[in-house]
Amino acid sequence: MEWKGIAAASGYAMGPAFLLEEEKVAVQKQTLSPDQVGAEVERFDSKVTQAIQELEVIKEKARKKLGDEEAEIFSAHILVLNDPEYIGAVREKITNEYINAEAALQEVTDNFIAIFESMDNEYMRERAADIRDVSSRVLHRLAGIEEKSLDDVSEPVVMIAHDLTPSDTAQLNRDKVAGFATNIGGRTSHSAIMARSMEIPAVVGLKNIVEQVKTGDYVVVDGSQGVVHVNPDEVTVASYKEKQRHFAARQAELNKLKDAHSVTADGHRVELVSNIGNPLDAVGAKKNGAEGIGLYRTEFLYMGRNEFPSEEEQFEAYKSVAEMFDKESPVVIRSLDIGGDKELPYLDLPKEMNPFLGYRAIRLCLDRTDIFKVQLRAILRASIYGNVKLMYPMISSLAELREANKVLDEVKDELTSKNIPFNRNMEVGMMIEIPAAAIIADQLAKEVDFFSIGTNDLIQYTMAADRMNERVSYLYQPFNPAVLRLINMVIQAAHKAGKWAGMCGEMAGNLTAIPILLGMGLDEFSMSASSILPARALMHRLSQSEVKPLAERVLQMESAEEIVRYVEESVPAIAELM
């Protein structure tokens, strides 16, 4: 049997299945008498304290096995259990409604999870798993159920589970667990992130793999393609053993490039940088050989909370990333891209029929300059700690760009009047993600220091195809000739004005797209951390003089299929690195 899911961590694993079945806690709501409430709150508090102590131990284990970045996941879990809004809500429910701790915890947790899962942002939806993980730990302690130890596995197995929590993943013994497969999860779930850090092949989002596998079945996990084979034939097993050998050899070669320059075979230098959502992501980016940060998504500082982050909190978040890199390495911070589909409960935004075309990003910031100025002050203050650059999202006209720069100038004047230092020469750029901006790129280029092409939105706006809608997903195609012509137009406009052009959409890390973009003259490629080394390896094999005519020819082609076929046939190295 073959099952298709989401490729969470590359590589190939095979071995007998070990089915991890979580012991369910049946929560029954019980009514308490007034004189029982105090003791019940104390019982709840004691189990929360026990859970925190356990997480401290797990955190130290994770630090030794995985490093500081992954260990900080458990710091986040500990923060949840210290959060007065979350834990306080459970205490209040016990006290005010006279119900037992298990029922109160379950109801509060369900509400919090519903809030996170309703967000139209994959990263924030995956944070619901954190709440689920810590609440499950406390719930099991309340029920007197001790945690299963995954270290008891006696031979290398493929772990099969409905879900592996970050706590589960951190305690996996890499000598005994070859890979894992789960019913649920996504590429940005913590278990997936940690699997990549531990280099354990993983496939998630398989929907019902637990129901299809029993302990002892022979399982192959293809973490590169997101496929799981259950009891495959000998030919399939032999094929995957060969893939496993090839993958190990390739990874060893890629790791040699972590400190190498991103340069083509004929000496053309570009920047390979990373997209991040928080300071922890920057640690992973640096470990994977990133030469800087090409997109720092700042909206995550604003989400999953009940009030705006302070200027000081933002300043520390930006400063910490700037200080991770040397003074020459870029750290491009995108101003707030919130609104429409990314809701903040405390902002009380109106519901919109077309949120992607609505009140969001720079439109919101220019309307709410009180919010915008706080962020700009924090970014400017952080600019003296590294090569910080500011980037505006969702710009569609010269008027918007000029208005944003006017607000920035006002903030600079405020800081100057208070003798607060900042980099007066900080580069200021904008994202090109709206076709209107691409069409007037020649005009915009005169008033910015750089462009960064956000292909995720540019493709969807160009093709009028919602990238989350499966029924029109066939239209969401980065190699569509119209999309490629707009990208080329932007790069040429930037260069004509003496400015640099980067790309921070998913397309920047696409191995098939890289020869085209390199041939067009793209200066900076910003991608997920795991894509950096394969991209660098490909660039080392390419020559600028050869990919330039390739790009020129591609721009004359009529379909995405024709373009992909031509590029992959012309550049055999793409297949070798996939």
Protein backbone atom coordinates (compact mmCIF):
# COMPACT_ATOMS: atom_id res chain seq x y z
CA MET A 1 0.00 0.00 0.00
CA GLU A 2 1.15 3.54 -0.75
CA TRP A 3 -0.02 6.63 1.14
CA LYS A 4 0.55 10.24 0.14
CA GLY A 5 1.03 12.95 2.75
CA ILE A 6 3.17 16.06 3.36
CA ALA A 7 6.96 15.83 3.10
CA ALA A 8 8.04 17.15 6.51
CA ALA A 9 11.69 16.10 6.72
CA SER A 10 13.75 14.85 3.76
CA GLY A 11 15.37 11.46 3.58
CA TYR A 12 14.38 7.81 3.53
CA ALA A 13 13.65 5.49 6.45
CA MET A 14 12.57 1.87 6.55
CA GLY A 15 11.90 -0.73 9.19
CA PRO A 16 9.19 -2.33 11.30
CA ALA A 17 6.34 -0.06 12.37
CA PHE A 18 5.86 0.88 15.99
CA LEU A 19 2.35 2.17 16.61
CA LEU A 20 2.28 4.85 19.28
CA GLU A 21 -1.23 4.91 20.65
CA GLU A 22 -1.90 7.70 23.10
CA GLU A 23 -3.88 6.78 26.17
CA LYS A 24 -7.04 8.85 25.99
CA VAL A 25 -8.34 10.74 29.00
CA ALA A 26 -12.13 10.62 29.21
CA VAL A 27 -13.05 13.97 30.68
CA GLN A 28 -16.26 14.00 32.66
CA LYS A 29 -17.68 17.25 33.93
CA GLN A 30 -18.34 17.18 37.66
CA THR A 31 -20.09 19.78 39.79
CA LEU A 32 -18.29 20.85 42.94
CA SER A 33 -19.63 22.24 46.15
CA PRO A 34 -18.36 25.71 47.15
CA ASP A 35 -16.11 24.27 49.86
CA GLN A 36 -14.39 21.96 47.33
CA VAL A 37 -13.35 24.73 44.96
CA GLY A 38 -10.22 25.85 46.82
CA ALA A 39 -8.79 22.33 46.99
CA GLU A 40 -9.57 21.76 43.30
CA VAL A 41 -7.68 24.91 42.29
CA GLU A 42 -4.74 23.72 44.42
CA ARG A 43 -4.86 20.29 42.75
CA PHE A 44 -4.82 21.94 39.33
CA ASP A 45 -1.93 24.24 40.29
CA SER A 46 0.12 21.31 41.61
CA LYS A 47 -0.24 19.41 38.32
CA VAL A 48 0.69 22.52 36.33
CA THR A 49 3.82 22.84 38.47
CA GLN A 50 4.61 19.15 37.88
CA ALA A 51 4.18 19.62 34.13
CA ILE A 52 6.51 22.65 34.15
CA GLN A 53 9.15 20.67 36.03
CA GLU A 54 8.90 17.84 33.50
CA LEU A 55 9.23 20.28 30.62
CA GLU A 56 12.37 21.78 32.18
CA VAL A 57 13.92 18.28 32.16
CA ILE A 58 12.82 17.67 28.55
CA LYS A 59 14.20 21.07 27.58
CA GLU A 60 17.63 20.16 28.92
CA LYS A 61 17.52 16.83 27.08
CA ALA A 62 16.60 18.66 23.88
CA ARG A 63 19.39 21.19 24.40
CA LYS A 64 21.99 18.40 24.65
CA LYS A 65 20.57 16.38 21.73
CA LEU A 66 19.40 19.11 19.36
CA GLY A 67 20.87 22.46 20.40
CA ASP A 68 19.58 25.73 21.83
CA GLU A 69 17.14 26.56 19.03
CA GLU A 70 15.05 23.39 19.36
CA ALA A 71 15.22 23.48 23.16
CA GLU A 72 13.56 26.89 23.08
CA ILE A 73 10.38 25.21 21.83
CA PHE A 74 9.96 23.93 25.37
CA SER A 75 10.60 27.37 26.79
CA ALA A 76 7.54 28.38 24.77
CA HIS A 77 5.57 25.49 26.29
CA ILE A 78 6.64 26.54 29.78
CA LEU A 79 5.52 30.09 28.99
CA VAL A 80 2.08 28.74 28.06
CA LEU A 81 1.83 27.07 31.48
CA ASN A 82 2.89 30.33 33.11
CA ASP A 83 0.49 32.44 31.03
CA PRO A 84 -1.99 34.09 33.41
CA GLU A 85 -4.54 34.42 30.59
CA TYR A 86 -4.55 30.69 29.88
CA ILE A 87 -3.97 29.20 33.33
CA GLY A 88 -5.94 32.02 34.97
CA ALA A 89 -8.92 31.25 32.74
CA VAL A 90 -8.92 27.64 33.97
CA ARG A 91 -8.75 28.75 37.62
CA GLU A 92 -11.61 31.20 37.04
CA LYS A 93 -13.74 28.52 35.41
CA ILE A 94 -13.19 26.15 38.37
CA THR A 95 -13.98 28.94 40.85
CA ASN A 96 -16.92 30.59 39.09
CA GLU A 97 -18.62 27.55 37.58
CA TYR A 98 -17.89 25.03 40.37
CA ILE A 99 -16.53 22.41 37.99
CA ASN A 100 -13.61 19.98 38.20
CA ALA A 101 -10.15 20.91 36.89
CA GLU A 102 -10.20 18.39 34.00
CA ALA A 103 -13.42 19.83 32.55
CA ALA A 104 -12.29 23.44 33.07
CA LEU A 105 -8.93 22.77 31.40
CA GLN A 106 -10.59 21.01 28.46
CA GLU A 107 -13.08 23.85 27.84
CA VAL A 108 -10.48 26.63 28.05
CA THR A 109 -8.05 24.68 25.85
CA ASP A 110 -10.72 24.05 23.21
CA ASN A 111 -11.43 27.80 23.06
CA PHE A 112 -7.74 28.70 22.66
CA ILE A 113 -7.19 26.02 20.00
CA ALA A 114 -10.26 27.22 18.07
CA ILE A 115 -8.82 30.76 17.98
CA PHE A 116 -5.45 29.61 16.61
CA GLU A 117 -6.89 27.12 14.12
CA SER A 118 -9.23 29.74 12.67
CA MET A 119 -6.30 31.96 11.65
CA ASP A 120 -5.63 31.97 7.91
CA ASN A 121 -1.93 31.50 8.46
CA GLU A 122 -0.29 28.08 8.52
CA TYR A 123 2.37 29.03 11.07
CA MET A 124 -0.21 30.32 13.56
CA ARG A 125 -2.56 27.37 12.97
CA GLU A 126 0.29 25.04 13.84
CA ARG A 127 0.75 26.85 17.17
CA ALA A 128 -2.50 25.23 18.27
CA ALA A 129 -0.38 22.07 18.60
CA ASP A 130 1.61 23.76 21.37
CA ILE A 131 -1.55 24.44 23.38
CA ARG A 132 -2.77 20.90 22.72
CA ASP A 133 0.57 19.42 23.83
CA VAL A 134 0.86 21.24 27.15
CA SER A 135 -2.81 20.82 28.02
CA SER A 136 -2.58 17.08 27.31
CA ARG A 137 0.38 16.85 29.66
CA VAL A 138 -1.51 18.54 32.49
CA LEU A 139 -4.67 16.54 31.74
CA HIS A 140 -2.75 13.25 31.96
CA ARG A 141 -1.24 14.33 35.28
CA LEU A 142 -4.68 15.20 36.62
CA ALA A 143 -5.85 11.72 35.59
CA GLY A 144 -2.81 10.06 37.16
CA ILE A 145 -1.47 8.75 33.82
CA GLU A 146 2.31 8.77 33.47
CA GLU A 147 3.97 9.65 30.17
CA LYS A 148 5.10 6.89 27.82
CA SER A 149 8.85 6.80 27.25
CA LEU A 150 9.79 6.48 23.59
CA ASP A 151 13.31 5.55 24.64
CA ASP A 152 12.05 2.04 25.48
CA VAL A 153 12.04 1.06 21.78
CA SER A 154 14.64 -1.70 21.42
CA GLU A 155 15.35 -1.65 17.65
CA PRO A 156 15.27 0.88 14.80
CA VAL A 157 11.61 1.37 13.94
CA VAL A 158 9.32 3.68 12.00
CA MET A 159 7.09 5.47 14.50
CA ILE A 160 3.44 5.68 13.45
CA ALA A 161 1.15 8.02 15.41
CA HIS A 162 -1.91 10.21 15.11
CA ASP A 163 0.45 13.05 15.98
CA LEU A 164 3.86 13.39 17.57
CA THR A 165 3.98 16.31 19.96
CA PRO A 166 7.17 18.35 20.26
CA SER A 167 7.71 16.62 23.62
CA ASP A 168 7.50 13.22 21.91
CA THR A 169 9.82 14.25 19.10
CA ALA A 170 12.46 15.72 21.43
CA GLN A 171 12.71 12.43 23.27
CA LEU A 172 13.09 10.22 20.19
CA ASN A 173 16.24 8.16 20.23
CA ARG A 174 17.76 8.62 16.79
CA ASP A 175 19.52 5.26 17.04
CA LYS A 176 16.18 3.49 17.52
CA VAL A 177 13.71 5.60 15.51
CA ALA A 178 14.53 5.64 11.81
CA GLY A 179 11.58 7.86 10.79
CA PHE A 180 8.00 8.69 11.58
CA ALA A 181 4.63 9.16 9.94
CA THR A 182 1.54 10.85 11.40
CA ASN A 183 -2.11 11.37 10.60
CA ILE A 184 -1.96 15.12 11.11
CA GLY A 185 0.59 17.96 10.95
CA GLY A 186 2.19 20.30 8.44
CA ARG A 187 5.67 21.45 7.39
CA THR A 188 5.65 24.25 9.97
CA SER A 189 4.53 22.12 12.93
CA HIS A 190 7.15 21.90 15.65
CA SER A 191 7.44 18.12 15.25
CA ALA A 192 8.30 18.66 11.56
CA ILE A 193 10.80 21.40 12.37
CA MET A 194 12.48 19.22 14.98
CA ALA A 195 12.49 16.19 12.66
CA ARG A 196 14.43 18.27 10.13
CA SER A 197 16.85 19.38 12.86
CA MET A 198 17.36 15.78 13.99
CA GLU A 199 17.54 14.62 10.35
CA ILE A 200 14.81 12.04 10.93
CA PRO A 201 12.79 11.44 7.72
CA ALA A 202 9.14 12.25 8.32
CA VAL A 203 5.82 12.38 6.49
CA VAL A 204 2.84 14.08 8.15
CA GLY A 205 -0.76 14.83 7.22
CA LEU A 206 -1.48 11.24 6.11
CA LYS A 207 -5.04 11.47 7.55
CA ASN A 208 -5.55 7.85 8.60
CA ILE A 209 -2.19 6.07 8.52
CA VAL A 210 -2.69 4.88 12.14
CA GLU A 211 -5.76 2.94 11.06
CA GLN A 212 -3.90 1.30 8.16
CA VAL A 213 -0.76 0.09 9.95
CA LYS A 214 -0.13 -2.32 12.81
CA THR A 215 3.00 -2.75 14.89
CA GLY A 216 5.44 -5.00 13.02
CA ASP A 217 4.38 -4.06 9.49
CA TYR A 218 7.37 -3.18 7.29
CA VAL A 219 7.21 0.54 6.44
CA VAL A 220 9.18 2.81 4.11
CA VAL A 221 9.03 6.57 4.76
CA ASP A 222 9.93 8.77 1.80
CA GLY A 223 10.36 12.13 3.51
CA SER A 224 11.51 13.76 0.29
CA GLN A 225 8.32 13.09 -1.69
CA GLY A 226 5.86 12.74 1.22
CA VAL A 227 5.07 9.09 0.54
CA VAL A 228 4.72 6.12 2.90
CA HIS A 229 4.80 2.49 1.68
CA VAL A 230 3.34 -0.23 3.92
CA ASN A 231 4.61 -3.79 3.34
CA PRO A 232 6.14 -2.96 -0.07
CA ASP A 233 7.56 -5.58 -2.41
CA GLU A 234 11.29 -6.41 -2.58
CA VAL A 235 11.86 -4.29 -5.68
CA THR A 236 10.49 -1.17 -3.93
CA VAL A 237 12.61 -1.83 -0.83
CA ALA A 238 15.75 -2.29 -2.93
CA SER A 239 14.98 0.92 -4.81
CA TYR A 240 14.66 2.88 -1.55
CA LYS A 241 17.86 1.43 -0.13
CA GLU A 242 19.66 2.81 -3.18
CA LYS A 243 17.92 6.19 -2.70
CA GLN A 244 18.97 6.14 0.96
CA ARG A 245 22.64 5.66 0.03
CA HIS A 246 22.46 8.40 -2.58
CA PHE A 247 20.75 10.79 -0.14
CA ALA A 248 23.37 10.25 2.57
CA ALA A 249 26.20 10.92 0.13
CA ARG A 250 24.46 14.05 -1.18
CA GLN A 251 23.87 15.45 2.33
CA ALA A 252 27.53 14.96 3.22
CA GLU A 253 28.52 16.93 0.13
CA LEU A 254 25.96 19.71 0.80
CA ASN A 255 27.17 20.18 4.36
CA LYS A 256 30.58 21.14 3.01
CA LEU A 257 28.93 24.24 1.48
CA LYS A 258 27.65 25.79 4.74
CA ASP A 259 30.43 28.37 4.86
CA ALA A 260 30.92 28.70 1.10
CA HIS A 261 30.10 31.78 -0.96
CA SER A 262 27.06 31.71 -3.25
CA VAL A 263 28.87 32.07 -6.54
CA THR A 264 28.41 30.60 -10.02
CA ALA A 265 30.99 28.55 -11.87
CA ASP A 266 32.05 31.67 -13.81
CA GLY A 267 32.39 33.87 -10.73
CA HIS A 268 29.04 35.66 -10.55
CA ARG A 269 28.14 36.34 -6.89
CA VAL A 270 24.60 36.42 -5.47
CA GLU A 271 23.20 36.40 -1.93
CA LEU A 272 21.44 33.35 -0.50
CA VAL A 273 19.44 34.45 2.53
CA SER A 274 16.53 33.09 4.53
CA ASN A 275 12.89 33.87 5.32
CA ILE A 276 12.11 33.83 9.05
CA GLY A 277 9.16 34.50 11.35
CA ASN A 278 10.97 34.97 14.68
CA PRO A 279 14.47 35.12 16.21
CA LEU A 280 14.59 31.33 16.73
CA ASP A 281 14.17 30.81 12.99
CA ALA A 282 17.26 32.95 12.43
CA VAL A 283 19.38 30.50 14.43
CA GLY A 284 18.29 27.69 12.11
CA ALA A 285 18.91 29.85 9.06
CA LYS A 286 22.47 30.56 10.13
CA LYS A 287 23.11 26.86 10.86
CA ASN A 288 22.01 26.10 7.29
CA GLY A 289 24.44 28.54 5.74
CA ALA A 290 22.24 31.60 5.22
CA GLU A 291 24.20 34.75 4.40
CA GLY A 292 21.58 36.89 6.12
CA ILE A 293 17.84 37.36 6.36
CA GLY A 294 15.88 38.37 3.25
CA LEU A 295 12.46 38.46 4.89
CA TYR A 296 11.73 38.88 8.59
CA ARG A 297 7.96 38.43 8.91
CA THR A 298 7.12 40.69 11.84
CA GLU A 299 3.40 39.89 12.14
CA PHE A 300 4.15 36.90 14.35
CA LEU A 301 5.08 39.37 17.10
CA TYR A 302 1.49 40.62 16.98
CA MET A 303 -0.42 37.34 16.74
CA GLY A 304 -1.57 34.93 19.43
CA ARG A 305 -1.84 37.64 22.08
CA ASN A 306 -4.33 40.17 23.43
CA GLU A 307 -2.47 43.45 22.92
CA PHE A 308 0.05 45.08 20.61
CA PRO A 309 3.72 44.29 21.27
CA SER A 310 5.53 47.21 22.85
CA GLU A 311 8.25 49.17 21.09
CA GLU A 312 10.80 47.67 23.47
CA GLU A 313 9.64 44.10 22.78
CA GLN A 314 9.88 44.67 19.04
CA PHE A 315 13.26 46.38 19.34
CA GLU A 316 14.70 43.38 21.20
CA ALA A 317 13.27 40.93 18.61
CA TYR A 318 14.82 42.89 15.71
CA LYS A 319 18.11 43.62 17.50
CA SER A 320 18.64 39.97 18.45
CA VAL A 321 18.48 38.87 14.81
CA ALA A 322 20.70 41.73 13.61
CA GLU A 323 23.35 40.72 16.15
CA MET A 324 23.37 37.08 15.00
CA PHE A 325 25.01 38.10 11.73
CA ASP A 326 28.07 40.19 10.93
CA LYS A 327 27.79 43.86 10.01
CA GLU A 328 27.79 43.11 6.29
CA SER A 329 25.04 40.46 6.30
CA PRO A 330 21.60 41.86 5.44
CA VAL A 331 18.62 41.58 7.78
CA VAL A 332 15.56 42.72 5.82
CA ILE A 333 12.65 43.47 8.14
CA ARG A 334 9.21 43.65 6.58
CA SER A 335 6.84 46.11 8.20
CA LEU A 336 3.56 44.77 9.51
CA ASP A 337 1.58 42.65 7.04
CA ILE A 338 -1.60 42.11 8.99
CA GLY A 339 -5.30 42.51 8.31
CA GLY A 340 -7.85 40.91 6.05
CA ASP A 341 -7.04 37.21 6.32
CA LYS A 342 -4.68 37.59 9.32
CA GLU A 343 -6.88 38.69 12.16
CA LEU A 344 -5.89 40.29 15.45
CA PRO A 345 -8.77 40.00 17.93
CA TYR A 346 -7.65 43.14 19.75
CA LEU A 347 -7.55 45.17 16.51
CA ASP A 348 -11.26 44.55 15.82
CA LEU A 349 -11.00 44.61 12.03
CA PRO A 350 -14.21 44.39 10.01
CA LYS A 351 -15.00 41.19 8.09
CA GLU A 352 -14.29 41.52 4.37
CA MET A 353 -15.63 39.76 1.30
CA ASN A 354 -12.18 39.72 -0.35
CA PRO A 355 -9.59 39.93 2.45
CA PHE A 356 -6.60 39.44 0.13
CA LEU A 357 -7.75 42.54 -1.76
CA GLY A 358 -8.71 44.45 1.34
CA TYR A 359 -7.61 46.46 4.33
CA ARG A 360 -4.20 44.94 5.09
CA ALA A 361 -0.45 45.49 5.27
CA ILE A 362 0.68 48.98 4.21
CA ARG A 363 -2.95 50.08 3.76
CA LEU A 364 -3.67 49.39 7.41
CA CYS A 365 -0.38 50.93 8.55
CA LEU A 366 -0.94 54.16 6.67
CA ASP A 367 -4.41 54.38 8.20
CA ARG A 368 -3.19 53.48 11.70
CA THR A 369 0.06 55.41 11.88
CA ASP A 370 0.03 55.06 15.67
CA ILE A 371 0.71 51.32 15.21
CA PHE A 372 3.07 51.89 12.28
CA LYS A 373 5.25 54.44 14.06
CA VAL A 374 5.88 52.18 17.05
CA GLN A 375 7.22 49.51 14.72
CA LEU A 376 9.29 51.95 12.67
CA ARG A 377 10.90 53.33 15.84
CA ALA A 378 11.83 49.81 16.93
CA ILE A 379 13.31 48.95 13.51
CA LEU A 380 15.29 52.19 13.30
CA ARG A 381 16.68 51.72 16.82
CA ALA A 382 17.75 48.16 15.90
CA SER A 383 19.41 49.39 12.69
CA ILE A 384 22.68 50.29 14.46
CA TYR A 385 23.24 46.67 15.51
CA GLY A 386 23.69 45.23 12.02
CA ASN A 387 22.95 45.65 8.33
CA VAL A 388 19.22 46.16 8.93
CA LYS A 389 16.99 47.10 5.99
CA LEU A 390 13.30 48.06 6.03
CA MET A 391 10.80 46.73 3.49
CA TYR A 392 7.17 47.78 2.93
CA PRO A 393 4.64 45.11 1.86
CA MET A 394 1.68 45.43 -0.49
CA ILE A 395 2.72 48.70 -2.16
CA SER A 396 0.60 49.29 -5.26
CA SER A 397 1.37 52.91 -6.19
CA LEU A 398 3.90 55.72 -5.94
CA ALA A 399 1.50 57.59 -3.66
CA GLU A 400 1.55 54.78 -1.08
CA LEU A 401 5.32 54.52 -1.20
CA ARG A 402 5.74 58.26 -0.70
CA GLU A 403 3.23 58.32 2.16
CA ALA A 404 5.05 55.46 3.90
CA ASN A 405 8.38 57.23 3.52
CA LYS A 406 6.81 60.42 4.90
CA VAL A 407 5.80 58.55 8.06
CA LEU A 408 9.31 57.09 8.26
CA ASP A 409 10.84 60.57 8.01
CA GLU A 410 8.58 61.78 10.84
CA VAL A 411 9.80 58.93 13.05
CA LYS A 412 13.42 59.71 12.16
CA ASP A 413 12.84 63.33 13.23
CA GLU A 414 11.32 62.16 16.52
CA LEU A 415 14.32 59.95 17.28
CA THR A 416 16.74 62.70 16.31
CA SER A 417 15.03 65.19 18.64
CA LYS A 418 15.46 62.71 21.51
CA ASN A 419 19.09 61.92 20.60
CA ILE A 420 18.23 58.25 20.04
CA PRO A 421 20.77 56.70 17.64
CA PHE A 422 19.82 54.95 14.41
CA ASN A 423 21.40 54.27 11.02
CA ARG A 424 20.55 57.29 8.90
CA ASN A 425 21.65 55.40 5.79
CA MET A 426 19.44 52.36 6.41
CA GLU A 427 18.22 50.98 3.08
CA VAL A 428 14.48 51.18 2.49
CA GLY A 429 12.81 48.96 -0.09
CA MET A 430 9.47 47.47 -0.98
CA MET A 431 7.94 44.18 -1.94
CA ILE A 432 6.65 43.68 -5.46
CA GLU A 433 3.62 41.42 -5.02
CA ILE A 434 0.92 43.35 -6.88
CA PRO A 435 0.98 43.39 -10.72
CA ALA A 436 0.36 47.16 -10.68
CA ALA A 437 3.65 47.64 -8.83
CA ALA A 438 5.51 45.40 -11.28
CA ILE A 439 4.15 47.41 -14.22
CA ILE A 440 5.37 50.74 -12.76
CA ALA A 441 8.58 49.25 -11.33
CA ASP A 442 10.62 51.75 -13.39
CA GLN A 443 8.96 54.63 -11.52
CA LEU A 444 9.11 52.97 -8.10
CA ALA A 445 12.79 52.07 -8.54
CA LYS A 446 13.71 55.75 -8.46
CA GLU A 447 12.40 56.09 -4.89
CA VAL A 448 13.53 52.87 -3.17
CA ASP A 449 16.88 51.23 -2.46
CA PHE A 450 15.75 47.76 -3.50
CA PHE A 451 12.89 45.51 -4.57
CA SER A 452 12.01 42.12 -3.11
CA ILE A 453 9.62 40.11 -5.27
CA GLY A 454 6.96 38.32 -3.22
CA THR A 455 5.99 35.61 -5.67
CA ASN A 456 3.42 33.91 -3.40
CA ASP A 457 1.04 36.85 -3.78
CA LEU A 458 2.30 38.06 -7.16
CA ILE A 459 1.33 34.74 -8.77
CA GLN A 460 -2.09 34.67 -7.14
CA TYR A 461 -2.88 38.27 -8.10
CA THR A 462 -1.55 37.88 -11.63
CA MET A 463 -3.55 34.72 -12.29
CA ALA A 464 -6.61 35.74 -10.21
CA ALA A 465 -6.28 32.35 -8.50
CA ASP A 466 -6.56 31.84 -4.75
CA ARG A 467 -3.51 29.75 -3.81
CA MET A 468 -5.50 28.05 -1.03
CA ASN A 469 -8.31 26.98 -3.38
CA GLU A 470 -7.74 23.45 -4.68
CA ARG A 471 -10.24 23.91 -7.52
CA VAL A 472 -8.15 26.64 -9.16
CA SER A 473 -4.72 25.50 -7.95
CA TYR A 474 -3.81 24.49 -11.52
CA LEU A 475 -3.68 28.23 -12.32
CA TYR A 476 -1.31 29.00 -9.46
CA GLN A 477 1.81 28.35 -11.49
CA PRO A 478 5.14 30.16 -10.90
CA PHE A 479 6.37 29.25 -14.38
CA ASN A 480 3.44 30.83 -16.16
CA PRO A 481 4.87 33.08 -18.91
CA ALA A 482 2.94 36.12 -17.61
CA VAL A 483 4.45 35.70 -14.13
CA LEU A 484 7.98 35.28 -15.49
CA ARG A 485 7.65 38.37 -17.69
CA LEU A 486 6.55 40.47 -14.70
CA ILE A 487 9.50 39.20 -12.65
CA ASN A 488 11.93 40.01 -15.45
CA MET A 489 10.38 43.45 -15.81
CA VAL A 490 10.99 44.18 -12.12
CA ILE A 491 14.60 42.99 -12.14
CA GLN A 492 15.46 45.01 -15.25
CA ALA A 493 13.78 48.16 -13.84
CA ALA A 494 15.79 47.85 -10.62
CA HIS A 495 19.08 47.41 -12.45
CA LYS A 496 18.39 50.29 -14.81
CA ALA A 497 17.98 52.53 -11.75
CA GLY A 498 21.15 51.14 -10.16
CA LYS A 499 19.26 49.23 -7.47
CA TRP A 500 19.30 45.57 -6.48
CA ALA A 501 16.43 43.10 -6.77
CA GLY A 502 15.70 40.10 -4.57
CA MET A 503 12.97 37.51 -4.24
CA CYS A 504 11.42 36.29 -0.99
CA GLY A 505 8.62 34.05 -2.24
CA GLU A 506 8.73 30.24 -2.35
CA MET A 507 9.88 30.42 -5.97
CA ALA A 508 13.32 31.68 -4.86
CA GLY A 509 14.18 28.25 -3.46
CA ASN A 510 12.72 26.26 -6.36
CA LEU A 511 15.64 24.48 -8.07
CA THR A 512 13.96 24.61 -11.48
CA ALA A 513 13.36 28.36 -11.14
CA ILE A 514 16.91 29.23 -10.03
CA PRO A 515 18.57 29.03 -13.50
CA ILE A 516 15.84 31.27 -14.93
CA LEU A 517 16.08 33.83 -12.11
CA LEU A 518 19.88 33.78 -12.23
CA GLY A 519 19.72 34.34 -15.98
CA MET A 520 17.38 37.31 -15.47
CA GLY A 521 19.95 38.82 -13.08
CA LEU A 522 18.24 38.38 -9.71
CA ASP A 523 20.69 39.55 -7.04
CA GLU A 524 19.28 38.01 -3.87
CA PHE A 525 17.42 34.73 -3.27
CA SER A 526 15.56 34.45 0.05
CA MET A 527 14.14 31.03 0.97
CA SER A 528 13.44 28.57 3.76
CA ALA A 529 16.59 27.52 5.60
CA SER A 530 16.46 23.92 4.36
CA SER A 531 16.56 25.08 0.72
CA ILE A 532 19.79 27.07 1.01
CA LEU A 533 22.43 24.37 0.59
CA PRO A 534 20.80 22.66 -2.42
CA ALA A 535 20.39 26.10 -4.03
CA ARG A 536 24.03 26.96 -3.37
CA ALA A 537 25.17 23.61 -4.78
CA LEU A 538 23.17 24.23 -7.97
CA MET A 539 24.55 27.74 -8.37
CA HIS A 540 28.10 26.42 -8.11
CA ARG A 541 27.37 24.28 -11.19
CA LEU A 542 25.77 27.02 -13.25
CA SER A 543 27.42 29.71 -15.35
CA GLN A 544 25.87 33.14 -15.62
CA SER A 545 26.94 33.29 -19.25
CA GLU A 546 24.95 30.10 -19.98
CA VAL A 547 21.79 30.78 -18.01
CA LYS A 548 21.30 34.27 -19.43
CA PRO A 549 20.38 32.97 -22.92
CA LEU A 550 18.34 30.23 -21.23
CA ALA A 551 16.24 32.91 -19.48
CA GLU A 552 15.87 34.89 -22.70
CA ARG A 553 14.55 31.82 -24.49
CA VAL A 554 12.18 30.93 -21.64
CA LEU A 555 10.62 34.40 -21.83
CA GLN A 556 9.50 33.62 -25.38
CA MET A 557 7.82 30.32 -24.52
CA GLU A 558 4.07 29.86 -24.37
CA SER A 559 3.33 27.54 -21.42
CA ALA A 560 4.57 26.62 -17.96
CA GLU A 561 4.89 22.97 -18.98
CA GLU A 562 7.12 23.84 -21.93
CA ILE A 563 9.29 26.05 -19.72
CA VAL A 564 9.77 23.47 -16.95
CA ARG A 565 10.58 20.72 -19.43
CA TYR A 566 13.11 22.90 -21.28
CA VAL A 567 14.90 24.08 -18.12
CA GLU A 568 15.13 20.63 -16.53
CA GLU A 569 16.42 19.10 -19.77
CA SER A 570 18.95 21.93 -20.16
CA VAL A 571 20.21 21.72 -16.55
CA PRO A 572 20.67 18.03 -15.54
CA ALA A 573 22.05 19.11 -12.14
CA ILE A 574 18.50 20.02 -11.06
CA ALA A 575 17.43 16.35 -11.04
CA GLU A 576 20.59 15.34 -9.18
CA LEU A 577 19.87 17.77 -6.33
CA MET A 578 16.14 17.14 -5.97
